Structures are given as C-alpha cells and as structure tokens.
Amino acid sequence: MRHLRTDIRRLVSIILLLALFGSSWDTSAEGASPPPTVSVTVPAGQWKAVRLHNVPRDTVVGVALRCDGSLTVGLLDAPDHAQFPRMANPLFWGQAESKLGFSATIPQQGDYFIVLDNRDSDRPRQVTMTTTARIGGETAKNLLTAQLQKVEAQVK
C-alpha cells in the first residue's frame, strides 16, 4: 500500500511537472495543444499537496481547477508547506466552490506546493486541475530543459 502511494505521488508529480513546463514555451503558437489536465481525489477531512520541483524565479504559475464542492486551495513555498496549516506567507490561498483560477509569480527558485485542503468537509472532493507556466530569461529556459530531461529519463 505504501509503495502504491509513493508511485501515485510520483506519477502525479511527473504529470504536473509535464503540465507545468510542457506548455510553458509558446502556447499561443498555431496548432499548440492545450495544457494537460490532472484529476485528484481529496478524501474527506484530509488535504493533499502536489510538489512542483525546482521552479525557476519569476515563473508565472497558473492554476485552473474544477471541483465537486467546497475546497480550499493554495500555492505554498517549502517553508510554509512544512508548517502547514500554520502558514506565514502563502503565494495564494483561496476558496473554490465549484471552480477557481489563479496565478502567482514565483519569488525565488525552489520547490512549491499546490495544496488541496478538504479538512473542513465530511465528503471527498474530486478535483480536475490544469497548471500552466510562463518563464522568462535564458537561465530559466536552461533550467527548464534540464528538468524536462530528468522527467523524460524517469518516464522511459
């Protein structure tokens, strides 16, 4: 059971990384495919976090989600995630009733977490989430290429 959870977390992380960085080059180009969508079930009375590994500084992360009921959603840096639910400075924290969209600019390179908080509910929530990113600068593009190569190696 523990291995299954680890595998599921790794798969969700890879899918989100692909969703986050796979659509970041130029989605306005003719024929560009839409960013991938991920579905997650958040059990009643619990929360889940999806890690975005080593996100470059000044990346604009966009999240669009739909859910089947009330759900709290946030974007946290690693220190806030480690102290959750006692966060000092979330990049975003809001309430979704059936859908929610937001974007935030990453202030410094590092790991970030999309938190899906269902602790106040007695019903599980089904969440469909699309994540996009826009990056700038040559350094960010080089880092993105390195991250994609790591993901490709894991998928093979």
N, C-alpha and C. Protein backbone atom coordinates (compact mmCIF):
# COMPACT_ATOMS: atom_id res chain seq x y z
N MET A 1 0.82 -1.19 0.00
CA MET A 1 0.00 0.00 0.00
C MET A 1 0.87 1.26 0.00
N ARG A 2 1.94 1.23 0.81
CA ARG A 2 2.83 2.38 0.88
C ARG A 2 3.52 2.63 -0.47
N HIS A 3 3.93 1.53 -1.16
CA HIS A 3 4.56 1.67 -2.47
C HIS A 3 3.58 2.23 -3.48
N LEU A 4 2.31 1.84 -3.38
CA LEU A 4 1.30 2.35 -4.29
C LEU A 4 1.14 3.85 -4.11
N ARG A 5 1.11 4.33 -2.85
CA ARG A 5 1.01 5.77 -2.59
C ARG A 5 2.21 6.51 -3.16
N THR A 6 3.40 5.96 -2.95
CA THR A 6 4.60 6.59 -3.47
C THR A 6 4.56 6.64 -4.98
N ASP A 7 4.15 5.55 -5.63
CA ASP A 7 4.04 5.52 -7.08
C ASP A 7 3.02 6.53 -7.58
N ILE A 8 1.88 6.62 -6.88
CA ILE A 8 0.84 7.58 -7.29
C ILE A 8 1.36 9.00 -7.14
N ARG A 9 2.02 9.29 -6.02
CA ARG A 9 2.57 10.64 -5.82
C ARG A 9 3.60 10.97 -6.89
N ARG A 10 4.47 9.99 -7.21
CA ARG A 10 5.48 10.22 -8.24
C ARG A 10 4.82 10.48 -9.60
N LEU A 11 3.79 9.69 -9.93
CA LEU A 11 3.09 9.85 -11.19
C LEU A 11 2.41 11.21 -11.26
N VAL A 12 1.73 11.61 -10.19
CA VAL A 12 1.06 12.92 -10.17
C VAL A 12 2.09 14.02 -10.30
N SER A 13 3.22 13.88 -9.63
CA SER A 13 4.28 14.87 -9.69
C SER A 13 4.83 15.00 -11.11
N ILE A 14 5.05 13.87 -11.76
CA ILE A 14 5.56 13.90 -13.14
C ILE A 14 4.53 14.52 -14.08
N ILE A 15 3.26 14.13 -13.92
CA ILE A 15 2.21 14.68 -14.79
C ILE A 15 2.11 16.19 -14.60
N LEU A 16 2.14 16.63 -13.34
CA LEU A 16 2.05 18.07 -13.10
C LEU A 16 3.27 18.81 -13.60
N LEU A 17 4.44 18.20 -13.46
CA LEU A 17 5.64 18.83 -13.98
C LEU A 17 5.55 18.96 -15.50
N LEU A 18 5.06 17.91 -16.14
CA LEU A 18 4.85 17.99 -17.59
C LEU A 18 3.80 19.04 -17.93
N ALA A 19 2.74 19.09 -17.14
CA ALA A 19 1.69 20.09 -17.38
C ALA A 19 2.23 21.48 -17.15
N LEU A 20 3.01 21.64 -16.09
CA LEU A 20 3.55 22.95 -15.75
C LEU A 20 4.54 23.43 -16.79
N PHE A 21 5.52 22.59 -17.14
CA PHE A 21 6.57 23.03 -18.03
C PHE A 21 6.34 22.66 -19.48
N GLY A 22 5.50 21.70 -19.74
CA GLY A 22 5.26 21.28 -21.12
C GLY A 22 4.55 22.33 -21.94
N SER A 23 3.79 23.19 -21.28
CA SER A 23 3.04 24.21 -22.00
C SER A 23 3.67 25.58 -21.87
N SER A 24 4.87 25.68 -21.34
CA SER A 24 5.42 26.97 -21.00
C SER A 24 6.15 27.68 -22.13
N TRP A 25 6.47 26.99 -23.20
CA TRP A 25 7.26 27.65 -24.24
C TRP A 25 6.45 28.67 -24.99
N ASP A 26 5.46 28.27 -25.75
CA ASP A 26 4.67 29.24 -26.51
C ASP A 26 3.33 28.61 -26.82
N THR A 27 2.38 28.80 -25.94
CA THR A 27 1.08 28.21 -26.15
C THR A 27 0.23 29.03 -27.12
N SER A 28 0.74 30.19 -27.53
CA SER A 28 -0.02 30.99 -28.48
C SER A 28 0.25 30.57 -29.92
N ALA A 29 1.22 29.70 -30.14
CA ALA A 29 1.56 29.28 -31.49
C ALA A 29 0.41 28.49 -32.10
N GLU A 30 0.25 28.66 -33.40
CA GLU A 30 -0.81 27.95 -34.11
C GLU A 30 -0.60 26.45 -33.98
N GLY A 31 -1.65 25.73 -33.65
CA GLY A 31 -1.57 24.29 -33.54
C GLY A 31 -1.08 23.80 -32.19
N ALA A 32 -0.84 24.72 -31.24
CA ALA A 32 -0.36 24.29 -29.92
C ALA A 32 -1.47 23.54 -29.21
N SER A 33 -1.11 22.45 -28.55
CA SER A 33 -2.10 21.67 -27.82
C SER A 33 -2.36 22.31 -26.46
N PRO A 34 -3.56 22.11 -25.92
CA PRO A 34 -3.85 22.68 -24.60
C PRO A 34 -3.03 21.97 -23.52
N PRO A 35 -2.81 22.65 -22.39
CA PRO A 35 -2.04 22.01 -21.32
C PRO A 35 -2.78 20.78 -20.78
N PRO A 36 -2.04 19.78 -20.33
CA PRO A 36 -2.67 18.57 -19.79
C PRO A 36 -3.47 18.85 -18.52
N THR A 37 -4.41 17.98 -18.25
CA THR A 37 -5.28 18.10 -17.08
C THR A 37 -5.06 16.88 -16.19
N VAL A 38 -5.08 17.10 -14.88
CA VAL A 38 -4.87 16.04 -13.90
C VAL A 38 -6.10 15.97 -12.99
N SER A 39 -6.55 14.77 -12.66
CA SER A 39 -7.66 14.58 -11.72
C SER A 39 -7.13 13.98 -10.42
N VAL A 40 -7.61 14.53 -9.30
CA VAL A 40 -7.18 14.10 -7.98
C VAL A 40 -8.40 13.98 -7.08
N THR A 41 -8.45 12.94 -6.27
CA THR A 41 -9.49 12.82 -5.25
C THR A 41 -8.88 13.18 -3.90
N VAL A 42 -9.52 14.13 -3.20
CA VAL A 42 -9.06 14.54 -1.88
C VAL A 42 -10.05 13.95 -0.86
N PRO A 43 -9.62 13.01 -0.03
CA PRO A 43 -10.53 12.38 0.93
C PRO A 43 -11.12 13.39 1.91
N ALA A 44 -12.28 13.06 2.45
CA ALA A 44 -12.95 13.91 3.45
C ALA A 44 -12.03 14.08 4.65
N GLY A 45 -11.97 15.32 5.16
CA GLY A 45 -11.20 15.60 6.35
C GLY A 45 -9.69 15.58 6.17
N GLN A 46 -9.21 15.55 4.91
CA GLN A 46 -7.78 15.48 4.65
C GLN A 46 -7.36 16.55 3.65
N TRP A 47 -6.08 16.62 3.39
CA TRP A 47 -5.55 17.52 2.38
C TRP A 47 -4.46 16.80 1.60
N LYS A 48 -4.22 17.29 0.41
CA LYS A 48 -3.16 16.75 -0.44
C LYS A 48 -2.35 17.93 -0.97
N ALA A 49 -1.08 17.66 -1.20
CA ALA A 49 -0.20 18.68 -1.79
C ALA A 49 0.55 18.05 -2.95
N VAL A 50 0.67 18.81 -4.00
CA VAL A 50 1.42 18.37 -5.18
C VAL A 50 2.66 19.26 -5.28
N ARG A 51 3.83 18.62 -5.29
CA ARG A 51 5.09 19.37 -5.33
C ARG A 51 5.45 19.76 -6.75
N LEU A 52 5.83 20.99 -6.91
CA LEU A 52 6.41 21.49 -8.17
C LEU A 52 7.90 21.65 -7.89
N HIS A 53 8.70 20.79 -8.48
CA HIS A 53 10.13 20.72 -8.17
C HIS A 53 10.92 21.85 -8.82
N ASN A 54 11.73 22.52 -8.03
CA ASN A 54 12.75 23.45 -8.51
C ASN A 54 12.23 24.44 -9.55
N VAL A 55 11.19 25.16 -9.21
CA VAL A 55 10.58 26.12 -10.14
C VAL A 55 11.48 27.36 -10.21
N PRO A 56 11.80 27.82 -11.42
CA PRO A 56 12.69 28.98 -11.56
C PRO A 56 12.04 30.28 -11.04
N ARG A 57 12.88 31.18 -10.59
CA ARG A 57 12.44 32.50 -10.15
C ARG A 57 11.74 33.22 -11.31
N ASP A 58 10.73 34.01 -10.99
CA ASP A 58 9.96 34.82 -11.94
C ASP A 58 9.07 34.00 -12.88
N THR A 59 8.89 32.72 -12.60
CA THR A 59 7.94 31.91 -13.35
C THR A 59 6.53 32.30 -12.89
N VAL A 60 5.63 32.50 -13.84
CA VAL A 60 4.23 32.75 -13.50
C VAL A 60 3.50 31.42 -13.61
N VAL A 61 3.07 30.91 -12.45
CA VAL A 61 2.35 29.64 -12.39
C VAL A 61 0.86 29.95 -12.39
N GLY A 62 0.13 29.32 -13.31
CA GLY A 62 -1.31 29.46 -13.38
C GLY A 62 -2.00 28.15 -13.06
N VAL A 63 -3.06 28.22 -12.27
CA VAL A 63 -3.81 27.02 -11.89
C VAL A 63 -5.28 27.28 -12.17
N ALA A 64 -5.91 26.36 -12.88
CA ALA A 64 -7.36 26.40 -13.11
C ALA A 64 -7.89 25.05 -12.64
N LEU A 65 -8.92 25.11 -11.78
CA LEU A 65 -9.46 23.84 -11.29
C LEU A 65 -10.97 23.88 -11.19
N ARG A 66 -11.50 22.67 -11.26
CA ARG A 66 -12.94 22.43 -11.05
C ARG A 66 -13.03 21.37 -9.97
N CYS A 67 -14.03 21.53 -9.09
CA CYS A 67 -14.23 20.56 -8.02
C CYS A 67 -15.73 20.36 -7.80
N ASP A 68 -16.06 19.27 -7.14
CA ASP A 68 -17.47 18.93 -6.96
C ASP A 68 -18.02 19.43 -5.61
N GLY A 69 -17.41 20.45 -5.04
CA GLY A 69 -17.87 21.04 -3.79
C GLY A 69 -16.82 22.00 -3.25
N SER A 70 -17.07 22.51 -2.07
CA SER A 70 -16.18 23.49 -1.46
C SER A 70 -14.81 22.88 -1.13
N LEU A 71 -13.76 23.63 -1.46
CA LEU A 71 -12.39 23.17 -1.27
C LEU A 71 -11.49 24.40 -1.13
N THR A 72 -10.56 24.36 -0.20
CA THR A 72 -9.58 25.43 -0.06
C THR A 72 -8.34 25.06 -0.87
N VAL A 73 -7.79 26.05 -1.58
CA VAL A 73 -6.68 25.80 -2.50
C VAL A 73 -5.58 26.82 -2.22
N GLY A 74 -4.34 26.36 -2.25
CA GLY A 74 -3.24 27.29 -2.02
C GLY A 74 -2.01 26.93 -2.81
N LEU A 75 -1.12 27.92 -2.92
CA LEU A 75 0.20 27.73 -3.51
C LEU A 75 1.19 28.18 -2.44
N LEU A 76 2.03 27.24 -1.98
CA LEU A 76 2.94 27.50 -0.87
C LEU A 76 4.38 27.23 -1.26
N ASP A 77 5.29 27.98 -0.65
CA ASP A 77 6.71 27.65 -0.78
C ASP A 77 7.03 26.53 0.21
N ALA A 78 8.25 26.02 0.16
CA ALA A 78 8.62 24.87 1.01
C ALA A 78 8.51 25.16 2.50
N PRO A 79 8.96 26.33 3.00
CA PRO A 79 8.83 26.58 4.44
C PRO A 79 7.36 26.62 4.90
N ASP A 80 6.48 27.24 4.13
CA ASP A 80 5.07 27.27 4.51
C ASP A 80 4.45 25.88 4.45
N HIS A 81 4.85 25.09 3.44
CA HIS A 81 4.33 23.73 3.35
C HIS A 81 4.76 22.91 4.56
N ALA A 82 6.00 23.08 5.00
CA ALA A 82 6.50 22.34 6.16
C ALA A 82 5.75 22.69 7.44
N GLN A 83 5.19 23.91 7.51
CA GLN A 83 4.47 24.34 8.71
C GLN A 83 2.95 24.30 8.54
N PHE A 84 2.49 23.78 7.40
CA PHE A 84 1.05 23.74 7.15
C PHE A 84 0.34 23.00 8.28
N PRO A 85 -0.75 23.52 8.81
CA PRO A 85 -1.59 24.61 8.31
C PRO A 85 -1.24 26.00 8.86
N ARG A 86 -0.15 26.12 9.60
CA ARG A 86 0.25 27.43 10.13
C ARG A 86 1.20 28.11 9.15
N MET A 87 0.64 28.67 8.10
CA MET A 87 1.44 29.29 7.04
C MET A 87 1.73 30.75 7.38
N ALA A 88 2.91 31.21 7.04
CA ALA A 88 3.27 32.61 7.28
C ALA A 88 2.96 33.49 6.07
N ASN A 89 3.24 32.98 4.86
CA ASN A 89 3.13 33.84 3.68
C ASN A 89 2.81 33.02 2.42
N PRO A 90 1.58 32.50 2.30
CA PRO A 90 1.25 31.74 1.09
C PRO A 90 1.27 32.65 -0.14
N LEU A 91 1.70 32.10 -1.27
CA LEU A 91 1.65 32.87 -2.51
C LEU A 91 0.21 33.07 -2.95
N PHE A 92 -0.63 32.06 -2.66
CA PHE A 92 -2.07 32.17 -2.92
C PHE A 92 -2.78 31.28 -1.91
N TRP A 93 -3.95 31.74 -1.45
CA TRP A 93 -4.81 30.94 -0.58
C TRP A 93 -6.24 31.39 -0.83
N GLY A 94 -7.09 30.48 -1.32
CA GLY A 94 -8.46 30.87 -1.64
C GLY A 94 -9.42 29.71 -1.54
N GLN A 95 -10.69 30.02 -1.72
CA GLN A 95 -11.77 29.04 -1.59
C GLN A 95 -12.42 28.81 -2.95
N ALA A 96 -12.57 27.54 -3.31
CA ALA A 96 -13.28 27.15 -4.54
C ALA A 96 -14.61 26.53 -4.14
N GLU A 97 -15.67 26.93 -4.79
CA GLU A 97 -16.97 26.29 -4.58
C GLU A 97 -17.22 25.23 -5.66
N SER A 98 -16.93 25.57 -6.89
CA SER A 98 -17.02 24.60 -7.98
C SER A 98 -15.88 24.79 -8.98
N LYS A 99 -15.34 26.00 -9.05
CA LYS A 99 -14.19 26.25 -9.90
C LYS A 99 -13.40 27.44 -9.36
N LEU A 100 -12.14 27.48 -9.73
CA LEU A 100 -11.25 28.53 -9.26
C LEU A 100 -10.08 28.63 -10.21
N GLY A 101 -9.63 29.82 -10.46
CA GLY A 101 -8.43 30.05 -11.25
C GLY A 101 -7.59 31.11 -10.59
N PHE A 102 -6.27 30.95 -10.63
CA PHE A 102 -5.37 31.96 -10.08
C PHE A 102 -4.01 31.82 -10.72
N SER A 103 -3.21 32.86 -10.57
CA SER A 103 -1.81 32.79 -10.99
C SER A 103 -0.97 33.51 -9.95
N ALA A 104 0.29 33.12 -9.88
CA ALA A 104 1.22 33.73 -8.93
C ALA A 104 2.62 33.70 -9.54
N THR A 105 3.39 34.72 -9.24
CA THR A 105 4.78 34.78 -9.70
C THR A 105 5.69 34.21 -8.62
N ILE A 106 6.54 33.29 -9.01
CA ILE A 106 7.45 32.63 -8.08
C ILE A 106 8.57 33.60 -7.70
N PRO A 107 8.71 33.93 -6.40
CA PRO A 107 9.68 34.94 -5.99
C PRO A 107 11.13 34.48 -5.97
N GLN A 108 11.36 33.18 -5.75
CA GLN A 108 12.73 32.65 -5.77
C GLN A 108 12.69 31.19 -6.19
N GLN A 109 13.77 30.74 -6.81
CA GLN A 109 13.83 29.36 -7.28
C GLN A 109 13.70 28.40 -6.11
N GLY A 110 12.91 27.33 -6.32
CA GLY A 110 12.76 26.33 -5.28
C GLY A 110 11.55 25.45 -5.52
N ASP A 111 11.25 24.63 -4.52
CA ASP A 111 10.08 23.76 -4.58
C ASP A 111 8.86 24.52 -4.08
N TYR A 112 7.74 24.31 -4.77
CA TYR A 112 6.47 24.92 -4.39
C TYR A 112 5.41 23.83 -4.37
N PHE A 113 4.32 24.10 -3.67
CA PHE A 113 3.29 23.09 -3.46
C PHE A 113 1.92 23.67 -3.73
N ILE A 114 1.14 22.95 -4.54
CA ILE A 114 -0.28 23.27 -4.71
C ILE A 114 -1.01 22.43 -3.66
N VAL A 115 -1.68 23.10 -2.74
CA VAL A 115 -2.36 22.43 -1.63
C VAL A 115 -3.86 22.39 -1.91
N LEU A 116 -4.44 21.21 -1.80
CA LEU A 116 -5.88 21.00 -1.94
C LEU A 116 -6.37 20.58 -0.55
N ASP A 117 -7.04 21.49 0.15
CA ASP A 117 -7.38 21.31 1.56
C ASP A 117 -8.87 21.01 1.72
N ASN A 118 -9.17 19.79 2.13
CA ASN A 118 -10.55 19.33 2.32
C ASN A 118 -10.80 18.95 3.78
N ARG A 119 -10.03 19.54 4.69
CA ARG A 119 -10.14 19.17 6.10
C ARG A 119 -11.48 19.55 6.72
N ASP A 120 -12.16 20.57 6.18
CA ASP A 120 -13.42 21.03 6.75
C ASP A 120 -14.64 20.28 6.22
N SER A 121 -14.44 19.30 5.37
CA SER A 121 -15.56 18.61 4.74
C SER A 121 -15.69 17.17 5.23
N ASP A 122 -16.91 16.67 5.21
CA ASP A 122 -17.14 15.26 5.54
C ASP A 122 -17.38 14.44 4.27
N ARG A 123 -17.10 15.04 3.10
CA ARG A 123 -17.24 14.34 1.82
C ARG A 123 -15.95 14.46 1.03
N PRO A 124 -15.56 13.42 0.32
CA PRO A 124 -14.39 13.53 -0.56
C PRO A 124 -14.67 14.50 -1.70
N ARG A 125 -13.64 15.09 -2.23
CA ARG A 125 -13.77 16.03 -3.35
C ARG A 125 -12.98 15.52 -4.54
N GLN A 126 -13.62 15.57 -5.69
CA GLN A 126 -12.96 15.24 -6.95
C GLN A 126 -12.52 16.55 -7.58
N VAL A 127 -11.23 16.65 -7.89
CA VAL A 127 -10.65 17.89 -8.41
C VAL A 127 -10.03 17.61 -9.77
N THR A 128 -10.33 18.46 -10.74
CA THR A 128 -9.69 18.42 -12.05
C THR A 128 -8.89 19.71 -12.17
N MET A 129 -7.58 19.58 -12.39
CA MET A 129 -6.69 20.73 -12.33
C MET A 129 -5.82 20.82 -13.57
N THR A 130 -5.70 22.04 -14.09
CA THR A 130 -4.80 22.33 -15.20
C THR A 130 -3.79 23.36 -14.71
N THR A 131 -2.52 23.12 -14.94
CA THR A 131 -1.47 24.02 -14.48
C THR A 131 -0.63 24.46 -15.67
N THR A 132 -0.36 25.75 -15.74
CA THR A 132 0.47 26.29 -16.81
C THR A 132 1.58 27.13 -16.18
N ALA A 133 2.57 27.47 -16.99
CA ALA A 133 3.65 28.33 -16.52
C ALA A 133 4.21 29.14 -17.67
N ARG A 134 4.63 30.32 -17.35
CA ARG A 134 5.36 31.18 -18.30
C ARG A 134 6.67 31.54 -17.64
N ILE A 135 7.74 31.36 -18.36
CA ILE A 135 9.05 31.68 -17.80
C ILE A 135 9.73 32.71 -18.66
N GLY A 136 10.72 33.37 -18.08
CA GLY A 136 11.49 34.36 -18.81
C GLY A 136 12.97 34.19 -18.55
N GLY A 137 13.76 34.68 -19.46
CA GLY A 137 15.20 34.67 -19.27
C GLY A 137 15.84 33.38 -19.72
N GLU A 138 17.06 33.48 -20.17
CA GLU A 138 17.81 32.33 -20.68
C GLU A 138 18.10 31.31 -19.58
N THR A 139 18.40 31.79 -18.38
CA THR A 139 18.69 30.88 -17.28
C THR A 139 17.49 30.00 -16.98
N ALA A 140 16.31 30.60 -16.96
CA ALA A 140 15.09 29.83 -16.69
C ALA A 140 14.85 28.79 -17.78
N LYS A 141 15.08 29.14 -19.02
CA LYS A 141 14.89 28.18 -20.11
C LYS A 141 15.88 27.02 -20.01
N ASN A 142 17.11 27.31 -19.62
CA ASN A 142 18.11 26.25 -19.45
C ASN A 142 17.71 25.32 -18.31
N LEU A 143 17.23 25.89 -17.22
CA LEU A 143 16.79 25.09 -16.09
C LEU A 143 15.60 24.22 -16.49
N LEU A 144 14.67 24.80 -17.24
CA LEU A 144 13.51 24.07 -17.71
C LEU A 144 13.94 22.87 -18.56
N THR A 145 14.88 23.07 -19.45
CA THR A 145 15.37 21.98 -20.29
C THR A 145 15.96 20.86 -19.44
N ALA A 146 16.73 21.21 -18.43
CA ALA A 146 17.31 20.20 -17.54
C ALA A 146 16.22 19.44 -16.80
N GLN A 147 15.17 20.14 -16.32
CA GLN A 147 14.07 19.48 -15.61
C GLN A 147 13.34 18.52 -16.54
N LEU A 148 13.08 18.94 -17.76
CA LEU A 148 12.37 18.08 -18.71
C LEU A 148 13.19 16.83 -19.03
N GLN A 149 14.49 16.98 -19.12
CA GLN A 149 15.34 15.81 -19.38
C GLN A 149 15.25 14.82 -18.22
N LYS A 150 15.18 15.32 -16.97
CA LYS A 150 15.04 14.43 -15.82
C LYS A 150 13.71 13.69 -15.87
N VAL A 151 12.65 14.42 -16.23
CA VAL A 151 11.32 13.79 -16.31
C VAL A 151 11.30 12.73 -17.41
N GLU A 152 11.88 13.06 -18.57
CA GLU A 152 11.92 12.11 -19.68
C GLU A 152 12.67 10.84 -19.27
N ALA A 153 13.75 10.98 -18.51
CA ALA A 153 14.52 9.81 -18.06
C ALA A 153 13.70 8.96 -17.12
N GLN A 154 12.85 9.59 -16.28
CA GLN A 154 12.00 8.83 -15.35
C GLN A 154 10.88 8.12 -16.08
N VAL A 155 10.38 8.70 -17.15
CA VAL A 155 9.25 8.13 -17.88
C VAL A 155 9.70 6.94 -18.72
N LYS A 156 10.92 6.94 -19.20
CA LYS A 156 11.41 5.85 -20.08
C LYS A 156 11.48 4.55 -19.37
